[in-house]
């Protein structure tokens, strides 16, 4: 992600998270910090269809945000963004990757479990509206790379790169 991407990312942020959208300035501030890595996914027309960010302060890396437009869910975009964040954390020699996910978002939780994340804590009523946040951790010493395409969280064969959704991570 560059500063030029922020208007599109900001518009997508407001569409996807109307009650919890980050202030526009926060994206600029995040890009200015050397402990942050942000990425965008664009379609063939150059439109931003997803974005993700990571903070890494060793020994911990933290997924700051990850989102994909609803029309493109199930196409492996969130999977690739999450894998990129984990690979970035490993390159920066983090030991663990943490993230927060809404307790009422089982599809995102399934994706994270598929990657090897385990729930380690609950933050009660963390999100607006009272939803709990589940804190999940991936120990990078256990990371062997993006889960194989064609396998679901239970290991059953399925077509494509499944599972996939990134409705909300923060």
N, C-alpha and C. Protein backbone atom coordinates (compact mmCIF):
# COMPACT_ATOMS: atom_id res chain seq x y z
N UNK A 1 0.84 -1.18 0.00
CA UNK A 1 0.00 0.00 0.00
C UNK A 1 0.88 1.23 0.00
N UNK A 2 0.49 2.20 -0.79
CA UNK A 2 1.15 3.50 -0.80
C UNK A 2 0.12 4.56 -0.43
N UNK A 3 0.60 5.78 -0.24
CA UNK A 3 -0.33 6.87 0.06
C UNK A 3 -1.36 7.04 -1.04
N UNK A 4 -0.98 6.75 -2.27
CA UNK A 4 -1.91 6.88 -3.40
C UNK A 4 -3.08 5.90 -3.29
N UNK A 5 -2.88 4.80 -2.56
CA UNK A 5 -3.95 3.80 -2.39
C UNK A 5 -4.93 4.18 -1.29
N UNK A 6 -4.56 5.11 -0.43
CA UNK A 6 -5.37 5.37 0.76
C UNK A 6 -6.79 5.84 0.45
N UNK A 7 -7.04 6.72 -0.52
CA UNK A 7 -8.44 7.08 -0.78
C UNK A 7 -9.32 5.87 -1.11
N UNK A 8 -8.83 4.95 -1.92
CA UNK A 8 -9.61 3.76 -2.26
C UNK A 8 -9.76 2.84 -1.05
N UNK A 9 -8.68 2.68 -0.27
CA UNK A 9 -8.74 1.85 0.92
C UNK A 9 -9.70 2.46 1.93
N UNK A 10 -9.64 3.77 2.09
CA UNK A 10 -10.53 4.46 3.02
C UNK A 10 -11.99 4.29 2.62
N UNK A 11 -12.29 4.40 1.34
CA UNK A 11 -13.67 4.21 0.87
C UNK A 11 -14.13 2.78 1.15
N UNK A 12 -13.26 1.83 0.92
CA UNK A 12 -13.59 0.44 1.18
C UNK A 12 -13.77 0.20 2.69
N UNK A 13 -12.90 0.78 3.48
CA UNK A 13 -13.00 0.67 4.94
C UNK A 13 -14.35 1.17 5.43
N UNK A 14 -14.78 2.31 4.92
CA UNK A 14 -16.06 2.89 5.36
C UNK A 14 -17.25 2.04 4.90
N UNK A 15 -17.11 1.42 3.74
CA UNK A 15 -18.16 0.54 3.23
C UNK A 15 -18.25 -0.74 4.07
N UNK A 16 -17.10 -1.34 4.38
CA UNK A 16 -17.09 -2.62 5.07
C UNK A 16 -17.32 -2.51 6.58
N UNK A 17 -16.83 -1.42 7.17
CA UNK A 17 -16.89 -1.27 8.63
C UNK A 17 -17.50 0.07 9.01
N UNK A 18 -18.74 0.33 8.64
CA UNK A 18 -19.30 1.67 8.87
C UNK A 18 -19.27 2.12 10.33
N UNK A 19 -19.46 1.22 11.26
CA UNK A 19 -19.47 1.61 12.68
C UNK A 19 -18.06 1.69 13.27
N UNK A 20 -17.10 0.97 12.67
CA UNK A 20 -15.77 0.88 13.26
C UNK A 20 -14.66 1.33 12.32
N UNK A 21 -15.00 2.07 11.28
CA UNK A 21 -13.99 2.48 10.29
C UNK A 21 -12.89 3.31 10.95
N UNK A 22 -11.66 3.03 10.51
CA UNK A 22 -10.55 3.84 10.96
C UNK A 22 -10.67 5.25 10.38
N UNK A 23 -10.23 6.26 11.12
CA UNK A 23 -10.14 7.60 10.53
C UNK A 23 -9.14 7.56 9.37
N UNK A 24 -9.40 8.33 8.33
CA UNK A 24 -8.53 8.34 7.15
C UNK A 24 -7.08 8.59 7.54
N UNK A 25 -6.86 9.53 8.42
CA UNK A 25 -5.49 9.89 8.82
C UNK A 25 -4.73 8.71 9.42
N UNK A 26 -5.45 7.79 10.00
CA UNK A 26 -4.78 6.64 10.62
C UNK A 26 -4.02 5.82 9.58
N UNK A 27 -4.55 5.69 8.38
CA UNK A 27 -3.83 4.95 7.34
C UNK A 27 -2.52 5.64 6.99
N UNK A 28 -2.54 6.98 6.88
CA UNK A 28 -1.30 7.71 6.61
C UNK A 28 -0.30 7.51 7.74
N UNK A 29 -0.79 7.58 8.98
CA UNK A 29 0.09 7.39 10.14
C UNK A 29 0.68 5.98 10.16
N UNK A 30 -0.13 4.99 9.83
CA UNK A 30 0.36 3.62 9.82
C UNK A 30 1.46 3.44 8.77
N UNK A 31 1.25 3.99 7.58
CA UNK A 31 2.26 3.86 6.52
C UNK A 31 3.57 4.54 6.88
N UNK A 32 3.51 5.56 7.72
CA UNK A 32 4.72 6.30 8.08
C UNK A 32 5.58 5.58 9.11
N UNK A 33 5.07 4.52 9.71
CA UNK A 33 5.80 3.83 10.77
C UNK A 33 6.59 2.65 10.20
N UNK A 34 7.83 2.52 10.59
CA UNK A 34 8.67 1.46 10.05
C UNK A 34 8.36 0.08 10.65
N UNK A 35 7.50 0.03 11.65
CA UNK A 35 7.10 -1.26 12.22
C UNK A 35 5.84 -1.81 11.54
N UNK A 36 5.38 -1.13 10.50
CA UNK A 36 4.14 -1.52 9.82
C UNK A 36 4.41 -1.95 8.38
N UNK A 37 3.61 -2.91 7.91
CA UNK A 37 3.64 -3.36 6.52
C UNK A 37 2.20 -3.46 6.05
N UNK A 38 1.85 -2.71 5.02
CA UNK A 38 0.48 -2.71 4.49
C UNK A 38 0.49 -3.08 3.02
N UNK A 39 -0.55 -3.81 2.62
CA UNK A 39 -0.66 -4.31 1.25
C UNK A 39 -2.07 -4.10 0.73
N UNK A 40 -2.20 -3.96 -0.58
CA UNK A 40 -3.51 -3.93 -1.22
C UNK A 40 -3.58 -5.04 -2.25
N UNK A 41 -4.78 -5.53 -2.46
CA UNK A 41 -5.07 -6.44 -3.56
C UNK A 41 -5.89 -5.64 -4.56
N UNK A 42 -5.51 -5.70 -5.82
CA UNK A 42 -6.23 -4.97 -6.87
C UNK A 42 -6.69 -5.96 -7.93
N UNK A 43 -7.78 -5.61 -8.59
CA UNK A 43 -8.28 -6.47 -9.67
C UNK A 43 -7.62 -6.07 -10.99
N UNK A 44 -8.04 -6.68 -12.06
CA UNK A 44 -7.44 -6.44 -13.38
C UNK A 44 -7.62 -5.00 -13.84
N UNK A 45 -8.60 -4.30 -13.29
CA UNK A 45 -8.84 -2.90 -13.65
C UNK A 45 -8.11 -1.93 -12.73
N UNK A 46 -7.36 -2.46 -11.77
CA UNK A 46 -6.63 -1.62 -10.84
C UNK A 46 -7.44 -1.16 -9.65
N UNK A 47 -8.64 -1.71 -9.47
CA UNK A 47 -9.49 -1.34 -8.34
C UNK A 47 -9.04 -2.10 -7.09
N UNK A 48 -9.00 -1.41 -5.96
CA UNK A 48 -8.66 -2.06 -4.70
C UNK A 48 -9.82 -2.95 -4.28
N UNK A 49 -9.52 -4.23 -4.09
CA UNK A 49 -10.55 -5.20 -3.70
C UNK A 49 -10.23 -5.83 -2.34
N UNK A 50 -9.10 -5.46 -1.78
CA UNK A 50 -8.75 -5.96 -0.46
C UNK A 50 -7.52 -5.25 0.05
N UNK A 51 -7.33 -5.33 1.35
CA UNK A 51 -6.15 -4.72 1.96
C UNK A 51 -5.85 -5.41 3.27
N UNK A 52 -4.61 -5.28 3.71
CA UNK A 52 -4.19 -5.91 4.96
C UNK A 52 -2.99 -5.18 5.52
N UNK A 53 -2.86 -5.21 6.84
CA UNK A 53 -1.74 -4.56 7.49
C UNK A 53 -1.22 -5.34 8.67
N UNK A 54 0.07 -5.20 8.90
CA UNK A 54 0.76 -5.90 9.97
C UNK A 54 1.64 -4.93 10.73
N UNK A 55 1.65 -5.07 12.06
CA UNK A 55 2.60 -4.37 12.90
C UNK A 55 3.54 -5.44 13.45
N UNK A 56 4.83 -5.18 13.39
CA UNK A 56 5.79 -6.14 13.92
C UNK A 56 6.76 -5.42 14.85
N UNK A 57 6.67 -5.75 16.11
CA UNK A 57 7.60 -5.31 17.13
C UNK A 57 8.04 -6.59 17.83
N UNK A 58 9.20 -7.08 17.39
CA UNK A 58 9.65 -8.38 17.87
C UNK A 58 9.61 -8.48 19.39
N UNK A 59 9.15 -9.62 19.85
CA UNK A 59 8.95 -10.88 19.14
C UNK A 59 7.54 -11.09 18.61
N UNK A 60 6.69 -10.06 18.67
CA UNK A 60 5.29 -10.21 18.29
C UNK A 60 4.98 -9.44 17.01
N UNK A 61 4.22 -10.07 16.14
CA UNK A 61 3.61 -9.39 14.99
C UNK A 61 2.11 -9.42 15.23
N UNK A 62 1.43 -8.38 14.80
CA UNK A 62 0.01 -8.26 15.04
C UNK A 62 -0.69 -7.86 13.75
N UNK A 63 -1.67 -8.65 13.33
CA UNK A 63 -2.47 -8.30 12.16
C UNK A 63 -3.34 -7.12 12.57
N UNK A 64 -3.12 -5.98 11.94
CA UNK A 64 -3.85 -4.76 12.27
C UNK A 64 -5.22 -4.73 11.60
N UNK A 65 -5.26 -5.18 10.36
CA UNK A 65 -6.50 -5.17 9.60
C UNK A 65 -6.36 -6.09 8.41
N UNK A 66 -7.46 -6.63 7.97
CA UNK A 66 -7.50 -7.41 6.74
C UNK A 66 -8.96 -7.41 6.28
N UNK A 67 -9.16 -7.11 5.02
CA UNK A 67 -10.52 -7.02 4.50
C UNK A 67 -10.53 -7.30 3.00
N UNK A 68 -11.64 -7.86 2.55
CA UNK A 68 -11.86 -8.14 1.13
C UNK A 68 -13.29 -7.72 0.80
N UNK A 69 -13.49 -7.10 -0.36
CA UNK A 69 -14.85 -6.72 -0.75
C UNK A 69 -15.73 -7.97 -0.79
N UNK A 70 -16.96 -7.86 -0.30
CA UNK A 70 -17.84 -9.04 -0.24
C UNK A 70 -18.02 -9.74 -1.58
N UNK A 71 -18.07 -8.98 -2.66
CA UNK A 71 -18.28 -9.58 -3.98
C UNK A 71 -17.13 -10.49 -4.40
N UNK A 72 -15.97 -10.36 -3.76
CA UNK A 72 -14.80 -11.16 -4.13
C UNK A 72 -14.42 -12.20 -3.08
N UNK A 73 -15.23 -12.33 -2.04
CA UNK A 73 -14.97 -13.35 -1.03
C UNK A 73 -15.04 -14.72 -1.69
N UNK A 74 -14.26 -15.65 -1.16
CA UNK A 74 -14.26 -17.00 -1.67
C UNK A 74 -13.34 -17.21 -2.87
N UNK A 75 -12.56 -16.18 -3.22
CA UNK A 75 -11.68 -16.28 -4.39
C UNK A 75 -10.21 -16.38 -4.00
N UNK A 76 -9.92 -16.54 -2.71
CA UNK A 76 -8.54 -16.71 -2.27
C UNK A 76 -7.80 -15.42 -1.98
N UNK A 77 -8.47 -14.29 -2.08
CA UNK A 77 -7.80 -12.99 -1.88
C UNK A 77 -7.39 -12.83 -0.42
N UNK A 78 -8.31 -13.05 0.50
CA UNK A 78 -7.98 -12.96 1.93
C UNK A 78 -6.93 -13.98 2.32
N UNK A 79 -7.00 -15.17 1.73
CA UNK A 79 -6.01 -16.20 1.99
C UNK A 79 -4.62 -15.72 1.60
N UNK A 80 -4.52 -15.13 0.42
CA UNK A 80 -3.21 -14.64 -0.05
C UNK A 80 -2.73 -13.46 0.79
N UNK A 81 -3.64 -12.56 1.17
CA UNK A 81 -3.24 -11.43 2.02
C UNK A 81 -2.75 -11.91 3.37
N UNK A 82 -3.47 -12.84 3.98
CA UNK A 82 -3.05 -13.35 5.28
C UNK A 82 -1.71 -14.06 5.19
N UNK A 83 -1.52 -14.86 4.15
CA UNK A 83 -0.23 -15.54 3.96
C UNK A 83 0.89 -14.52 3.80
N UNK A 84 0.63 -13.45 3.09
CA UNK A 84 1.64 -12.41 2.90
C UNK A 84 2.01 -11.77 4.24
N UNK A 85 1.03 -11.50 5.08
CA UNK A 85 1.32 -10.92 6.40
C UNK A 85 2.14 -11.88 7.25
N UNK A 86 1.79 -13.14 7.22
CA UNK A 86 2.54 -14.12 8.02
C UNK A 86 3.97 -14.25 7.50
N UNK A 87 4.12 -14.29 6.18
CA UNK A 87 5.47 -14.35 5.60
C UNK A 87 6.29 -13.13 5.98
N UNK A 88 5.64 -11.95 5.98
CA UNK A 88 6.33 -10.72 6.37
C UNK A 88 6.76 -10.80 7.83
N UNK A 89 5.89 -11.32 8.70
CA UNK A 89 6.24 -11.47 10.12
C UNK A 89 7.43 -12.42 10.27
N UNK A 90 7.44 -13.49 9.52
CA UNK A 90 8.55 -14.44 9.58
C UNK A 90 9.85 -13.79 9.10
N UNK A 91 9.77 -13.02 8.02
CA UNK A 91 10.96 -12.32 7.51
C UNK A 91 11.52 -11.35 8.54
N UNK A 92 10.63 -10.77 9.33
CA UNK A 92 11.06 -9.82 10.36
C UNK A 92 11.43 -10.54 11.67
N UNK A 93 11.47 -11.86 11.62
CA UNK A 93 11.88 -12.70 12.73
C UNK A 93 10.99 -12.58 13.97
N UNK A 94 9.70 -12.39 13.73
CA UNK A 94 8.75 -12.45 14.84
C UNK A 94 8.63 -13.90 15.29
N UNK A 95 8.22 -14.09 16.51
CA UNK A 95 7.99 -15.44 17.02
C UNK A 95 6.53 -15.85 16.91
N UNK A 96 5.65 -14.89 17.11
CA UNK A 96 4.21 -15.14 17.08
C UNK A 96 3.51 -14.07 16.25
N UNK A 97 2.37 -14.46 15.66
CA UNK A 97 1.48 -13.52 14.99
C UNK A 97 0.17 -13.56 15.76
N UNK A 98 -0.30 -12.39 16.19
CA UNK A 98 -1.56 -12.27 16.90
C UNK A 98 -2.58 -11.57 16.03
N UNK A 99 -3.84 -11.80 16.32
CA UNK A 99 -4.92 -11.05 15.68
C UNK A 99 -6.14 -11.10 16.56
N UNK A 100 -7.04 -10.17 16.30
CA UNK A 100 -8.33 -10.12 16.97
C UNK A 100 -9.39 -10.35 15.90
N UNK A 101 -10.38 -11.15 16.24
CA UNK A 101 -11.48 -11.41 15.31
C UNK A 101 -12.78 -11.40 16.10
N UNK A 102 -13.81 -10.93 15.45
CA UNK A 102 -15.12 -10.89 16.11
C UNK A 102 -15.57 -12.31 16.43
N UNK A 103 -16.11 -12.49 17.62
CA UNK A 103 -16.63 -13.79 18.03
C UNK A 103 -17.82 -14.21 17.17
N UNK A 104 -18.50 -13.24 16.57
CA UNK A 104 -19.65 -13.55 15.72
C UNK A 104 -19.28 -13.63 14.24
N UNK A 105 -18.02 -13.91 13.94
CA UNK A 105 -17.57 -14.07 12.56
C UNK A 105 -16.92 -15.46 12.39
N UNK A 106 -17.73 -16.51 12.34
CA UNK A 106 -17.17 -17.86 12.26
C UNK A 106 -16.40 -18.14 10.97
N UNK A 107 -16.76 -17.49 9.87
CA UNK A 107 -16.04 -17.73 8.61
C UNK A 107 -14.59 -17.26 8.72
N UNK A 108 -14.37 -16.08 9.29
CA UNK A 108 -13.01 -15.59 9.45
C UNK A 108 -12.25 -16.47 10.45
N UNK A 109 -12.91 -16.88 11.52
CA UNK A 109 -12.27 -17.76 12.50
C UNK A 109 -11.83 -19.06 11.85
N UNK A 110 -12.67 -19.58 10.97
CA UNK A 110 -12.34 -20.83 10.28
C UNK A 110 -11.08 -20.66 9.44
N UNK A 111 -10.98 -19.53 8.74
CA UNK A 111 -9.79 -19.27 7.93
C UNK A 111 -8.55 -19.22 8.82
N UNK A 112 -8.65 -18.52 9.93
CA UNK A 112 -7.50 -18.41 10.82
C UNK A 112 -7.09 -19.76 11.41
N UNK A 113 -8.07 -20.56 11.79
CA UNK A 113 -7.75 -21.91 12.29
C UNK A 113 -7.10 -22.74 11.19
N UNK A 114 -7.55 -22.58 9.98
CA UNK A 114 -6.99 -23.31 8.84
C UNK A 114 -5.51 -22.97 8.68
N UNK A 115 -5.14 -21.74 8.99
CA UNK A 115 -3.75 -21.30 8.94
C UNK A 115 -2.95 -21.74 10.16
N UNK A 116 -3.62 -22.24 11.18
CA UNK A 116 -2.91 -22.70 12.37
C UNK A 116 -3.05 -21.79 13.58
N UNK A 117 -3.84 -20.73 13.47
CA UNK A 117 -4.07 -19.85 14.62
C UNK A 117 -4.89 -20.59 15.67
N UNK A 118 -4.60 -20.31 16.94
CA UNK A 118 -5.35 -20.86 18.05
C UNK A 118 -5.86 -19.72 18.92
N UNK A 119 -7.07 -19.87 19.42
CA UNK A 119 -7.62 -18.86 20.31
C UNK A 119 -6.91 -18.92 21.64
N UNK A 120 -6.46 -17.75 22.13
CA UNK A 120 -5.74 -17.71 23.41
C UNK A 120 -6.42 -16.83 24.45
N UNK A 121 -7.40 -16.02 24.03
CA UNK A 121 -8.01 -15.10 24.98
C UNK A 121 -9.30 -14.55 24.38
N UNK A 122 -10.16 -13.99 25.22
CA UNK A 122 -11.38 -13.30 24.78
C UNK A 122 -11.39 -11.92 25.41
N UNK A 123 -11.70 -10.92 24.61
CA UNK A 123 -11.93 -9.56 25.12
C UNK A 123 -13.43 -9.32 25.07
N UNK A 124 -14.09 -9.39 26.22
CA UNK A 124 -15.55 -9.23 26.23
C UNK A 124 -15.97 -7.84 25.75
N UNK A 125 -17.04 -7.83 24.94
CA UNK A 125 -17.67 -6.59 24.46
C UNK A 125 -16.67 -5.61 23.86
N UNK A 126 -15.69 -6.12 23.12
CA UNK A 126 -14.62 -5.30 22.56
C UNK A 126 -15.11 -4.42 21.40
N UNK A 127 -16.01 -4.95 20.59
CA UNK A 127 -16.48 -4.22 19.42
C UNK A 127 -17.75 -3.45 19.73
N UNK A 128 -17.98 -2.41 18.92
CA UNK A 128 -19.24 -1.69 19.05
C UNK A 128 -20.38 -2.68 18.86
N UNK A 129 -21.43 -2.49 19.58
CA UNK A 129 -22.54 -3.42 19.53
C UNK A 129 -22.38 -4.56 20.53
N UNK A 130 -21.24 -4.62 21.21
CA UNK A 130 -21.06 -5.59 22.27
C UNK A 130 -20.45 -6.92 21.90
N UNK A 131 -20.06 -7.12 20.65
CA UNK A 131 -19.45 -8.40 20.26
C UNK A 131 -18.09 -8.57 20.92
N UNK A 132 -17.81 -9.79 21.34
CA UNK A 132 -16.51 -10.12 21.92
C UNK A 132 -15.46 -10.20 20.82
N UNK A 133 -14.21 -9.96 21.21
CA UNK A 133 -13.07 -10.19 20.32
C UNK A 133 -12.35 -11.44 20.79
N UNK A 134 -12.08 -12.33 19.86
CA UNK A 134 -11.26 -13.50 20.15
C UNK A 134 -9.83 -13.15 19.78
N UNK A 135 -8.91 -13.38 20.69
CA UNK A 135 -7.50 -13.16 20.41
C UNK A 135 -6.94 -14.51 19.97
N UNK A 136 -6.30 -14.50 18.80
CA UNK A 136 -5.76 -15.73 18.24
C UNK A 136 -4.27 -15.57 17.99
N UNK A 137 -3.54 -16.69 18.09
CA UNK A 137 -2.09 -16.65 17.93
C UNK A 137 -1.65 -17.78 17.01
N UNK A 138 -0.66 -17.43 16.18
CA UNK A 138 0.05 -18.40 15.37
C UNK A 138 1.50 -18.37 15.80
N UNK A 139 2.01 -19.50 16.25
CA UNK A 139 3.43 -19.59 16.60
C UNK A 139 4.20 -19.81 15.30
N UNK A 140 5.07 -18.88 14.95
CA UNK A 140 5.75 -18.97 13.67
C UNK A 140 6.71 -20.16 13.58
N UNK A 141 7.16 -20.68 14.69
CA UNK A 141 8.01 -21.88 14.63
C UNK A 141 7.22 -23.06 14.07
N UNK A 142 5.89 -22.99 14.16
CA UNK A 142 5.02 -24.05 13.64
C UNK A 142 4.55 -23.77 12.21
N UNK A 143 4.86 -22.59 11.67
CA UNK A 143 4.38 -22.18 10.35
C UNK A 143 5.16 -22.92 9.27
N UNK A 144 4.44 -23.60 8.41
CA UNK A 144 5.08 -24.35 7.33
C UNK A 144 4.69 -23.80 5.96
N UNK A 145 4.06 -22.65 5.95
CA UNK A 145 3.63 -22.05 4.70
C UNK A 145 2.12 -22.08 4.59
N UNK A 146 1.61 -21.35 3.60
CA UNK A 146 0.17 -21.25 3.40
C UNK A 146 -0.42 -22.65 3.28
N UNK A 147 -1.55 -22.87 3.95
CA UNK A 147 -2.19 -24.18 3.84
C UNK A 147 -2.42 -24.54 2.37
N UNK A 148 -2.36 -25.81 2.09
CA UNK A 148 -2.51 -26.28 0.71
C UNK A 148 -3.86 -25.96 0.12
N UNK A 149 -3.85 -25.47 -1.10
CA UNK A 149 -5.11 -25.24 -1.81
C UNK A 149 -5.82 -26.57 -1.97
N UNK A 150 -7.15 -26.50 -1.89
CA UNK A 150 -7.91 -27.71 -2.08
C UNK A 150 -8.17 -28.48 -0.80
N UNK A 151 -7.86 -27.90 0.35
CA UNK A 151 -8.14 -28.54 1.63
C UNK A 151 -8.91 -27.56 2.49
N UNK A 152 -9.93 -28.04 3.17
CA UNK A 152 -10.64 -27.15 4.09
C UNK A 152 -10.05 -27.31 5.49
N UNK A 153 -10.65 -26.64 6.47
CA UNK A 153 -10.10 -26.64 7.83
C UNK A 153 -10.09 -28.04 8.44
N UNK A 154 -10.94 -28.93 7.97
CA UNK A 154 -10.97 -30.28 8.49
C UNK A 154 -10.10 -31.23 7.67
N UNK A 155 -9.49 -30.72 6.61
CA UNK A 155 -8.61 -31.53 5.79
C UNK A 155 -9.32 -32.20 4.62
N UNK A 156 -10.61 -31.95 4.46
CA UNK A 156 -11.34 -32.55 3.35
C UNK A 156 -11.03 -31.83 2.05
N UNK A 157 -10.96 -32.57 0.98
CA UNK A 157 -10.68 -31.97 -0.32
C UNK A 157 -11.87 -31.15 -0.79
N UNK A 158 -11.59 -29.95 -1.27
CA UNK A 158 -12.61 -29.08 -1.85
C UNK A 158 -11.99 -28.36 -3.02
N UNK A 159 -12.77 -27.86 -3.95
CA UNK A 159 -12.20 -27.16 -5.10
C UNK A 159 -11.70 -25.78 -4.72
N UNK A 160 -10.72 -25.30 -5.43
CA UNK A 160 -10.22 -23.93 -5.25
C UNK A 160 -9.40 -23.74 -4.01
N UNK A 161 -9.22 -22.48 -3.63
CA UNK A 161 -8.46 -22.12 -2.43
C UNK A 161 -9.45 -21.78 -1.33
N UNK A 162 -9.81 -22.75 -0.54
CA UNK A 162 -10.80 -22.57 0.49
C UNK A 162 -10.15 -22.82 1.83
N UNK A 163 -10.69 -22.41 2.93
CA UNK A 163 -11.79 -21.48 3.07
C UNK A 163 -11.34 -20.06 2.84
N UNK A 164 -12.26 -19.13 2.68
CA UNK A 164 -11.90 -17.76 2.39
C UNK A 164 -12.99 -16.80 2.83
N UNK A 165 -12.68 -15.90 3.69
CA UNK A 165 -13.48 -14.72 3.97
C UNK A 165 -12.69 -13.83 4.90
N UNK A 166 -12.91 -12.59 4.77
CA UNK A 166 -12.26 -11.62 5.64
C UNK A 166 -13.25 -10.50 5.88
N UNK A 167 -14.34 -10.78 6.52
CA UNK A 167 -15.34 -9.75 6.75
C UNK A 167 -14.81 -8.72 7.74
N UNK A 168 -14.14 -9.18 8.78
CA UNK A 168 -13.59 -8.24 9.75
C UNK A 168 -12.59 -8.96 10.61
N UNK A 169 -11.45 -8.33 10.80
CA UNK A 169 -10.44 -8.88 11.66
C UNK A 169 -10.31 -8.06 12.93
N UNK A 170 -10.38 -6.76 12.82
CA UNK A 170 -10.17 -5.99 14.02
C UNK A 170 -11.31 -6.09 14.97
